[in-house]
């Protein structure tokens, strides 16, 4: 069971590192980026035919769920959520 617990903690650290990388990329692109752009910048856009981009899209959805990122419904570009705008 210890091996499984170690694997779990390793996976959680890896997810946290990936989310931090996505956050960093979005912070440095004020006009936002598409899922494909985020994935390609980080080298994680691959996948099997018809399923490209699932890794970066999942990470973006996690950040969205945490209130850290948002997607513009028209442009489909992702950016860091502006919490100051929420308070106005």
PDB file of N, CA and C in Angstrom:
ATOM      1  N   UNK A   1       0.812  -1.188   0.000  1.00  0.00           N
ATOM      2  CA  UNK A   1       0.000   0.000   0.000  1.00  0.00           C
ATOM      3  C   UNK A   1       0.861   1.260   0.000  1.00  0.00           C
ATOM      4  N   UNK A   2       2.030   1.214   0.599  1.00  0.00           N
ATOM      5  CA  UNK A   2       2.920   2.373   0.616  1.00  0.00           C
ATOM      6  C   UNK A   2       3.293   2.795  -0.796  1.00  0.00           C
ATOM      7  N   UNK A   3       3.555   1.820  -1.681  1.00  0.00           N
ATOM      8  CA  UNK A   3       3.908   2.157  -3.058  1.00  0.00           C
ATOM      9  C   UNK A   3       2.773   2.915  -3.744  1.00  0.00           C
ATOM     10  N   UNK A   4       1.542   2.510  -3.502  1.00  0.00           N
ATOM     11  CA  UNK A   4       0.393   3.181  -4.086  1.00  0.00           C
ATOM     12  C   UNK A   4       0.280   4.596  -3.538  1.00  0.00           C
ATOM     13  N   UNK A   5       0.493   4.757  -2.250  1.00  0.00           N
ATOM     14  CA  UNK A   5       0.439   6.075  -1.624  1.00  0.00           C
ATOM     15  C   UNK A   5       1.530   6.979  -2.191  1.00  0.00           C
ATOM     16  N   UNK A   6       2.727   6.444  -2.359  1.00  0.00           N
ATOM     17  CA  UNK A   6       3.821   7.220  -2.953  1.00  0.00           C
ATOM     18  C   UNK A   6       3.476   7.637  -4.386  1.00  0.00           C
ATOM     19  N   UNK A   7       2.893   6.729  -5.144  1.00  0.00           N
ATOM     20  CA  UNK A   7       2.516   7.027  -6.528  1.00  0.00           C
ATOM     21  C   UNK A   7       1.458   8.131  -6.559  1.00  0.00           C
ATOM     22  N   UNK A   8       0.503   8.057  -5.635  1.00  0.00           N
ATOM     23  CA  UNK A   8      -0.542   9.081  -5.556  1.00  0.00           C
ATOM     24  C   UNK A   8       0.078  10.455  -5.306  1.00  0.00           C
ATOM     25  N   UNK A   9       0.957  10.556  -4.332  1.00  0.00           N
ATOM     26  CA  UNK A   9       1.576  11.836  -4.009  1.00  0.00           C
ATOM     27  C   UNK A   9       2.445  12.351  -5.162  1.00  0.00           C
ATOM     28  N   UNK A  10       3.116  11.445  -5.844  1.00  0.00           N
ATOM     29  CA  UNK A  10       3.922  11.830  -7.005  1.00  0.00           C
ATOM     30  C   UNK A  10       3.013  12.406  -8.105  1.00  0.00           C
ATOM     31  N   UNK A  11       1.879  11.754  -8.328  1.00  0.00           N
ATOM     32  CA  UNK A  11       0.933  12.221  -9.351  1.00  0.00           C
ATOM     33  C   UNK A  11       0.366  13.587  -8.981  1.00  0.00           C
ATOM     34  N   UNK A  12       0.051  13.799  -7.712  1.00  0.00           N
ATOM     35  CA  UNK A  12      -0.499  15.079  -7.280  1.00  0.00           C
ATOM     36  C   UNK A  12       0.517  16.206  -7.450  1.00  0.00           C
ATOM     37  N   UNK A  13       1.777  15.915  -7.171  1.00  0.00           N
ATOM     38  CA  UNK A  13       2.826  16.922  -7.384  1.00  0.00           C
ATOM     39  C   UNK A  13       2.966  17.237  -8.867  1.00  0.00           C
ATOM     40  N   UNK A  14       2.879  16.206  -9.698  1.00  0.00           N
ATOM     41  CA  UNK A  14       3.002  16.406 -11.150  1.00  0.00           C
ATOM     42  C   UNK A  14       1.847  17.266 -11.673  1.00  0.00           C
ATOM     43  N   UNK A  15       0.631  17.006 -11.223  1.00  0.00           N
ATOM     44  CA  UNK A  15      -0.527  17.807 -11.638  1.00  0.00           C
ATOM     45  C   UNK A  15      -0.339  19.253 -11.180  1.00  0.00           C
ATOM     46  N   UNK A  16       0.110  19.434  -9.939  1.00  0.00           N
ATOM     47  CA  UNK A  16       0.334  20.795  -9.418  1.00  0.00           C
ATOM     48  C   UNK A  16       1.384  21.520 -10.252  1.00  0.00           C
ATOM     49  N   UNK A  17       2.435  20.823 -10.637  1.00  0.00           N
ATOM     50  CA  UNK A  17       3.474  21.430 -11.474  1.00  0.00           C
ATOM     51  C   UNK A  17       2.920  21.812 -12.852  1.00  0.00           C
ATOM     52  N   UNK A  18       2.111  20.954 -13.438  1.00  0.00           N
ATOM     53  CA  UNK A  18       1.525  21.247 -14.745  1.00  0.00           C
ATOM     54  C   UNK A  18       0.568  22.433 -14.672  1.00  0.00           C
ATOM     55  N   UNK A  19      -0.256  22.475 -13.632  1.00  0.00           N
ATOM     56  CA  UNK A  19      -1.163  23.615 -13.472  1.00  0.00           C
ATOM     57  C   UNK A  19      -0.371  24.907 -13.281  1.00  0.00           C
ATOM     58  N   UNK A  20       0.714  24.838 -12.531  1.00  0.00           N
ATOM     59  CA  UNK A  20       1.559  26.024 -12.336  1.00  0.00           C
ATOM     60  C   UNK A  20       2.157  26.483 -13.663  1.00  0.00           C
ATOM     61  N   UNK A  21       2.553  25.537 -14.512  1.00  0.00           N
ATOM     62  CA  UNK A  21       3.115  25.887 -15.816  1.00  0.00           C
ATOM     63  C   UNK A  21       2.061  26.556 -16.692  1.00  0.00           C
ATOM     64  N   UNK A  22       0.838  26.038 -16.692  1.00  0.00           N
ATOM     65  CA  UNK A  22      -0.249  26.643 -17.469  1.00  0.00           C
ATOM     66  C   UNK A  22      -0.528  28.051 -16.945  1.00  0.00           C
ATOM     67  N   UNK A  23      -0.585  28.189 -15.640  1.00  0.00           N
ATOM     68  CA  UNK A  23      -0.827  29.497 -15.021  1.00  0.00           C
ATOM     69  C   UNK A  23       0.259  30.486 -15.439  1.00  0.00           C
ATOM     70  N   UNK A  24       1.499  30.059 -15.407  1.00  0.00           N
ATOM     71  CA  UNK A  24       2.626  30.913 -15.790  1.00  0.00           C
ATOM     72  C   UNK A  24       2.495  31.382 -17.238  1.00  0.00           C
ATOM     73  N   UNK A  25       2.169  30.461 -18.128  1.00  0.00           N
ATOM     74  CA  UNK A  25       2.026  30.796 -19.552  1.00  0.00           C
ATOM     75  C   UNK A  25       0.902  31.822 -19.737  1.00  0.00           C
ATOM     76  N   UNK A  26      -0.224  31.607 -19.053  1.00  0.00           N
ATOM     77  CA  UNK A  26      -1.342  32.540 -19.186  1.00  0.00           C
ATOM     78  C   UNK A  26      -1.026  33.907 -18.588  1.00  0.00           C
ATOM     79  N   UNK A  27      -0.286  33.928 -17.498  1.00  0.00           N
ATOM     80  CA  UNK A  27       0.083  35.198 -16.862  1.00  0.00           C
ATOM     81  C   UNK A  27       0.941  36.053 -17.793  1.00  0.00           C
ATOM     82  N   UNK A  28       1.693  35.404 -18.652  1.00  0.00           N
ATOM     83  CA  UNK A  28       2.614  36.121 -19.529  1.00  0.00           C
ATOM     84  C   UNK A  28       2.040  36.398 -20.908  1.00  0.00           C
ATOM     85  N   UNK A  29       0.754  36.165 -21.079  1.00  0.00           N
ATOM     86  CA  UNK A  29       0.098  36.454 -22.354  1.00  0.00           C
ATOM     87  C   UNK A  29      -1.223  37.178 -22.067  1.00  0.00           C
ATOM     88  N   UNK A  30      -1.165  38.513 -21.930  1.00  0.00           N
ATOM     89  CA  UNK A  30      -2.348  39.270 -21.529  1.00  0.00           C
ATOM     90  C   UNK A  30      -3.544  39.154 -22.470  1.00  0.00           C
ATOM     91  N   UNK A  31      -3.312  38.798 -23.717  1.00  0.00           N
ATOM     92  CA  UNK A  31      -4.420  38.645 -24.668  1.00  0.00           C
ATOM     93  C   UNK A  31      -5.025  37.253 -24.636  1.00  0.00           C
ATOM     94  N   UNK A  32      -4.501  36.395 -23.777  1.00  0.00           N
ATOM     95  CA  UNK A  32      -5.017  35.036 -23.675  1.00  0.00           C
ATOM     96  C   UNK A  32      -4.460  34.118 -24.739  1.00  0.00           C
ATOM     97  N   UNK A  33      -4.716  32.847 -24.541  1.00  0.00           N
ATOM     98  CA  UNK A  33      -4.252  31.805 -25.458  1.00  0.00           C
ATOM     99  C   UNK A  33      -5.346  30.758 -25.626  1.00  0.00           C
ATOM    100  N   UNK A  34      -5.359  30.125 -26.770  1.00  0.00           N
ATOM    101  CA  UNK A  34      -6.284  29.011 -26.961  1.00  0.00           C
ATOM    102  C   UNK A  34      -5.714  27.770 -26.277  1.00  0.00           C
ATOM    103  N   UNK A  35      -6.561  26.785 -26.099  1.00  0.00           N
ATOM    104  CA  UNK A  35      -6.116  25.510 -25.552  1.00  0.00           C
ATOM    105  C   UNK A  35      -4.941  24.958 -26.360  1.00  0.00           C
ATOM    106  N   UNK A  36      -5.067  24.990 -27.675  1.00  0.00           N
ATOM    107  CA  UNK A  36      -4.007  24.462 -28.542  1.00  0.00           C
ATOM    108  C   UNK A  36      -2.697  25.212 -28.336  1.00  0.00           C
ATOM    109  N   UNK A  37      -2.767  26.531 -28.218  1.00  0.00           N
ATOM    110  CA  UNK A  37      -1.550  27.323 -28.007  1.00  0.00           C
ATOM    111  C   UNK A  37      -0.893  26.972 -26.674  1.00  0.00           C
ATOM    112  N   UNK A  38      -1.693  26.874 -25.613  1.00  0.00           N
ATOM    113  CA  UNK A  38      -1.148  26.500 -24.301  1.00  0.00           C
ATOM    114  C   UNK A  38      -0.470  25.138 -24.399  1.00  0.00           C
ATOM    115  N   UNK A  39      -1.165  24.184 -24.978  1.00  0.00           N
ATOM    116  CA  UNK A  39      -0.621  22.839 -25.096  1.00  0.00           C
ATOM    117  C   UNK A  39       0.659  22.780 -25.902  1.00  0.00           C
ATOM    118  N   UNK A  40       0.705  23.502 -27.001  1.00  0.00           N
ATOM    119  CA  UNK A  40       1.905  23.485 -27.847  1.00  0.00           C
ATOM    120  C   UNK A  40       3.080  24.182 -27.175  1.00  0.00           C
ATOM    121  N   UNK A  41       2.811  25.305 -26.488  1.00  0.00           N
ATOM    122  CA  UNK A  41       3.883  26.005 -25.777  1.00  0.00           C
ATOM    123  C   UNK A  41       4.523  25.084 -24.741  1.00  0.00           C
ATOM    124  N   UNK A  42       3.690  24.314 -24.040  1.00  0.00           N
ATOM    125  CA  UNK A  42       4.189  23.441 -22.972  1.00  0.00           C
ATOM    126  C   UNK A  42       4.583  22.043 -23.461  1.00  0.00           C
ATOM    127  N   UNK A  43       4.358  21.767 -24.734  1.00  0.00           N
ATOM    128  CA  UNK A  43       4.717  20.454 -25.269  1.00  0.00           C
ATOM    129  C   UNK A  43       3.809  19.343 -24.785  1.00  0.00           C
ATOM    130  N   UNK A  44       2.535  19.676 -24.470  1.00  0.00           N
ATOM    131  CA  UNK A  44       1.604  18.668 -23.955  1.00  0.00           C
ATOM    132  C   UNK A  44       0.336  18.589 -24.806  1.00  0.00           C
ATOM    133  N   UNK A  45       0.399  19.046 -26.042  1.00  0.00           N
ATOM    134  CA  UNK A  45      -0.800  19.067 -26.878  1.00  0.00           C
ATOM    135  C   UNK A  45      -1.014  17.768 -27.641  1.00  0.00           C
ATOM    136  N   UNK A  46      -0.100  16.864 -27.557  1.00  0.00           N
ATOM    137  CA  UNK A  46      -0.227  15.617 -28.300  1.00  0.00           C
ATOM    138  C   UNK A  46      -1.374  14.759 -27.829  1.00  0.00           C
ATOM    139  N   UNK A  47      -1.474  13.613 -28.375  1.00  0.00           N
ATOM    140  CA  UNK A  47      -2.521  12.661 -28.051  1.00  0.00           C
ATOM    141  C   UNK A  47      -2.748  11.792 -29.260  1.00  0.00           C
ATOM    142  N   UNK A  48      -3.688  10.885 -29.146  1.00  0.00           N
ATOM    143  CA  UNK A  48      -3.961  10.071 -30.321  1.00  0.00           C
ATOM    144  C   UNK A  48      -4.982  10.775 -31.208  1.00  0.00           C
ATOM    145  N   UNK A  49      -5.071  10.340 -32.422  1.00  0.00           N
ATOM    146  CA  UNK A  49      -5.873  11.009 -33.445  1.00  0.00           C
ATOM    147  C   UNK A  49      -7.296  11.260 -32.933  1.00  0.00           C
ATOM    148  N   UNK A  50      -7.709  12.506 -33.049  1.00  0.00           N
ATOM    149  CA  UNK A  50      -9.039  12.890 -32.612  1.00  0.00           C
ATOM    150  C   UNK A  50      -9.114  13.294 -31.146  1.00  0.00           C
ATOM    151  N   UNK A  51      -8.036  13.113 -30.428  1.00  0.00           N
ATOM    152  CA  UNK A  51      -8.028  13.428 -28.993  1.00  0.00           C
ATOM    153  C   UNK A  51      -6.863  14.323 -28.604  1.00  0.00           C
ATOM    154  N   UNK A  52      -6.342  15.068 -29.548  1.00  0.00           N
ATOM    155  CA  UNK A  52      -5.270  15.997 -29.247  1.00  0.00           C
ATOM    156  C   UNK A  52      -5.797  17.089 -28.325  1.00  0.00           C
ATOM    157  N   UNK A  53      -4.969  17.530 -27.420  1.00  0.00           N
ATOM    158  CA  UNK A  53      -5.335  18.660 -26.584  1.00  0.00           C
ATOM    159  C   UNK A  53      -6.084  18.333 -25.315  1.00  0.00           C
ATOM    160  N   UNK A  54      -6.334  17.069 -25.052  1.00  0.00           N
ATOM    161  CA  UNK A  54      -7.088  16.728 -23.851  1.00  0.00           C
ATOM    162  C   UNK A  54      -6.327  17.052 -22.567  1.00  0.00           C
ATOM    163  N   UNK A  55      -5.018  16.911 -22.572  1.00  0.00           N
ATOM    164  CA  UNK A  55      -4.241  17.192 -21.359  1.00  0.00           C
ATOM    165  C   UNK A  55      -4.322  18.674 -21.022  1.00  0.00           C
ATOM    166  N   UNK A  56      -4.017  19.532 -21.985  1.00  0.00           N
ATOM    167  CA  UNK A  56      -4.057  20.973 -21.709  1.00  0.00           C
ATOM    168  C   UNK A  56      -5.477  21.429 -21.402  1.00  0.00           C
ATOM    169  N   UNK A  57      -6.474  20.886 -22.065  1.00  0.00           N
ATOM    170  CA  UNK A  57      -7.876  21.269 -21.811  1.00  0.00           C
ATOM    171  C   UNK A  57      -8.291  20.863 -20.397  1.00  0.00           C
ATOM    172  N   UNK A  58      -7.874  19.709 -19.953  1.00  0.00           N
ATOM    173  CA  UNK A  58      -8.194  19.251 -18.601  1.00  0.00           C
ATOM    174  C   UNK A  58      -7.549  20.157 -17.563  1.00  0.00           C
ATOM    175  N   UNK A  59      -6.303  20.532 -17.785  1.00  0.00           N
ATOM    176  CA  UNK A  59      -5.618  21.429 -16.850  1.00  0.00           C
ATOM    177  C   UNK A  59      -6.286  22.797 -16.812  1.00  0.00           C
ATOM    178  N   UNK A  60      -6.692  23.318 -17.960  1.00  0.00           N
ATOM    179  CA  UNK A  60      -7.392  24.598 -18.015  1.00  0.00           C
ATOM    180  C   UNK A  60      -8.727  24.510 -17.269  1.00  0.00           C
ATOM    181  N   UNK A  61      -9.429  23.394 -17.429  1.00  0.00           N
ATOM    182  CA  UNK A  61     -10.697  23.204 -16.713  1.00  0.00           C
ATOM    183  C   UNK A  61     -10.466  23.140 -15.204  1.00  0.00           C
ATOM    184  N   UNK A  62      -9.371  22.526 -14.782  1.00  0.00           N
ATOM    185  CA  UNK A  62      -9.050  22.488 -13.353  1.00  0.00           C
ATOM    186  C   UNK A  62      -8.824  23.905 -12.823  1.00  0.00           C
ATOM    187  N   UNK A  63      -8.051  24.700 -13.565  1.00  0.00           N
ATOM    188  CA  UNK A  63      -7.799  26.086 -13.150  1.00  0.00           C
ATOM    189  C   UNK A  63      -9.095  26.903 -13.154  1.00  0.00           C
ATOM    190  N   UNK A  64      -9.958  26.630 -14.119  1.00  0.00           N
ATOM    191  CA  UNK A  64     -11.250  27.319 -14.168  1.00  0.00           C
ATOM    192  C   UNK A  64     -12.084  26.945 -12.934  1.00  0.00           C
ATOM    193  N   UNK A  65     -12.098  25.673 -12.586  1.00  0.00           N
ATOM    194  CA  UNK A  65     -12.836  25.215 -11.418  1.00  0.00           C
ATOM    195  C   UNK A  65     -12.323  25.808 -10.122  1.00  0.00           C
ATOM    196  N   UNK A  66     -11.049  26.116 -10.087  1.00  0.00           N
ATOM    197  CA  UNK A  66     -10.430  26.729  -8.916  1.00  0.00           C
ATOM    198  C   UNK A  66     -10.592  28.247  -8.917  1.00  0.00           C
ATOM    199  N   UNK A  67     -11.184  28.789  -9.984  1.00  0.00           N
ATOM    200  CA  UNK A  67     -11.384  30.226 -10.084  1.00  0.00           C
ATOM    201  C   UNK A  67     -10.149  30.993 -10.513  1.00  0.00           C
ATOM    202  N   UNK A  68      -9.166  30.299 -11.082  1.00  0.00           N
ATOM    203  CA  UNK A  68      -7.908  30.945 -11.460  1.00  0.00           C
ATOM    204  C   UNK A  68      -7.857  31.350 -12.931  1.00  0.00           C
ATOM    205  N   UNK A  69      -8.636  30.692 -13.773  1.00  0.00           N
ATOM    206  CA  UNK A  69      -8.603  30.981 -15.211  1.00  0.00           C
ATOM    207  C   UNK A  69     -10.026  30.994 -15.749  1.00  0.00           C
ATOM    208  N   UNK A  70     -10.178  31.644 -16.896  1.00  0.00           N
ATOM    209  CA  UNK A  70     -11.482  31.684 -17.543  1.00  0.00           C
ATOM    210  C   UNK A  70     -11.293  31.714 -19.054  1.00  0.00           C
ATOM    211  N   UNK A  71     -12.315  31.243 -19.758  1.00  0.00           N
ATOM    212  CA  UNK A  71     -12.270  31.233 -21.216  1.00  0.00           C
ATOM    213  C   UNK A  71     -13.292  32.222 -21.761  1.00  0.00           C
ATOM    214  N   UNK A  72     -12.852  33.042 -22.711  1.00  0.00           N
ATOM    215  CA  UNK A  72     -13.758  33.947 -23.392  1.00  0.00           C
ATOM    216  C   UNK A  72     -14.622  33.108 -24.328  1.00  0.00           C
ATOM    217  N   UNK A  73     -15.931  33.211 -24.193  1.00  0.00           N
ATOM    218  CA  UNK A  73     -16.833  32.358 -24.971  1.00  0.00           C
ATOM    219  C   UNK A  73     -16.787  32.633 -26.466  1.00  0.00           C
ATOM    220  N   UNK A  74     -16.410  33.845 -26.847  1.00  0.00           N
ATOM    221  CA  UNK A  74     -16.372  34.170 -28.270  1.00  0.00           C
ATOM    222  C   UNK A  74     -15.039  33.807 -28.917  1.00  0.00           C
ATOM    223  N   UNK A  75     -13.947  34.244 -28.288  1.00  0.00           N
ATOM    224  CA  UNK A  75     -12.633  34.022 -28.892  1.00  0.00           C
ATOM    225  C   UNK A  75     -12.058  32.643 -28.563  1.00  0.00           C
ATOM    226  N   UNK A  76     -12.603  32.003 -27.526  1.00  0.00           N
ATOM    227  CA  UNK A  76     -12.123  30.706 -27.040  1.00  0.00           C
ATOM    228  C   UNK A  76     -10.724  30.798 -26.432  1.00  0.00           C
ATOM    229  N   UNK A  77     -10.280  32.006 -26.159  1.00  0.00           N
ATOM    230  CA  UNK A  77      -8.964  32.215 -25.560  1.00  0.00           C
ATOM    231  C   UNK A  77      -9.085  32.161 -24.042  1.00  0.00           C
ATOM    232  N   UNK A  78      -8.094  31.543 -23.426  1.00  0.00           N
ATOM    233  CA  UNK A  78      -8.029  31.412 -21.981  1.00  0.00           C
ATOM    234  C   UNK A  78      -7.135  32.491 -21.403  1.00  0.00           C
ATOM    235  N   UNK A  79      -7.490  32.982 -20.228  1.00  0.00           N
ATOM    236  CA  UNK A  79      -6.654  33.953 -19.538  1.00  0.00           C
ATOM    237  C   UNK A  79      -6.838  33.801 -18.032  1.00  0.00           C
ATOM    238  N   UNK A  80      -5.973  34.443 -17.288  1.00  0.00           N
ATOM    239  CA  UNK A  80      -6.079  34.451 -15.845  1.00  0.00           C
ATOM    240  C   UNK A  80      -7.319  35.245 -15.482  1.00  0.00           C
ATOM    241  N   UNK A  81      -8.103  34.734 -14.564  1.00  0.00           N
ATOM    242  CA  UNK A  81      -9.329  35.410 -14.169  1.00  0.00           C
ATOM    243  C   UNK A  81      -8.999  36.694 -13.410  1.00  0.00           C
ATOM    244  N   UNK A  82      -9.686  37.752 -13.780  1.00  0.00           N
ATOM    245  CA  UNK A  82      -9.502  39.056 -13.151  1.00  0.00           C
ATOM    246  C   UNK A  82     -10.435  39.143 -11.950  1.00  0.00           C
ATOM    247  N   UNK A  83      -9.898  38.884 -10.766  1.00  0.00           N
ATOM    248  CA  UNK A  83     -10.704  38.898  -9.557  1.00  0.00           C
ATOM    249  C   UNK A  83     -11.138  40.309  -9.175  1.00  0.00           C
ATOM    250  N   UNK A  84     -10.425  41.312  -9.620  1.00  0.00           N
ATOM    251  CA  UNK A  84     -10.807  42.704  -9.338  1.00  0.00           C
ATOM    252  C   UNK A  84     -12.139  43.015 -10.029  1.00  0.00           C
ATOM    253  N   UNK A  85     -12.343  42.470 -11.216  1.00  0.00           N
ATOM    254  CA  UNK A  85     -13.586  42.704 -11.938  1.00  0.00           C
ATOM    255  C   UNK A  85     -14.761  42.060 -11.211  1.00  0.00           C
ATOM    256  N   UNK A  86     -14.535  40.970 -10.489  1.00  0.00           N
ATOM    257  CA  UNK A  86     -15.593  40.304  -9.732  1.00  0.00           C
ATOM    258  C   UNK A  86     -16.080  41.154  -8.574  1.00  0.00           C
ATOM    259  N   UNK A  87     -15.234  42.008  -8.052  1.00  0.00           N
ATOM    260  CA  UNK A  87     -15.566  42.794  -6.872  1.00  0.00           C
ATOM    261  C   UNK A  87     -16.263  44.113  -7.219  1.00  0.00           C
ATOM    262  N   UNK A  88     -16.367  44.429  -8.489  1.00  0.00           N
ATOM    263  CA  UNK A  88     -16.998  45.696  -8.905  1.00  0.00           C
ATOM    264  C   UNK A  88     -18.465  45.510  -9.174  1.00  0.00           C
TER     265      UNK A  88
END
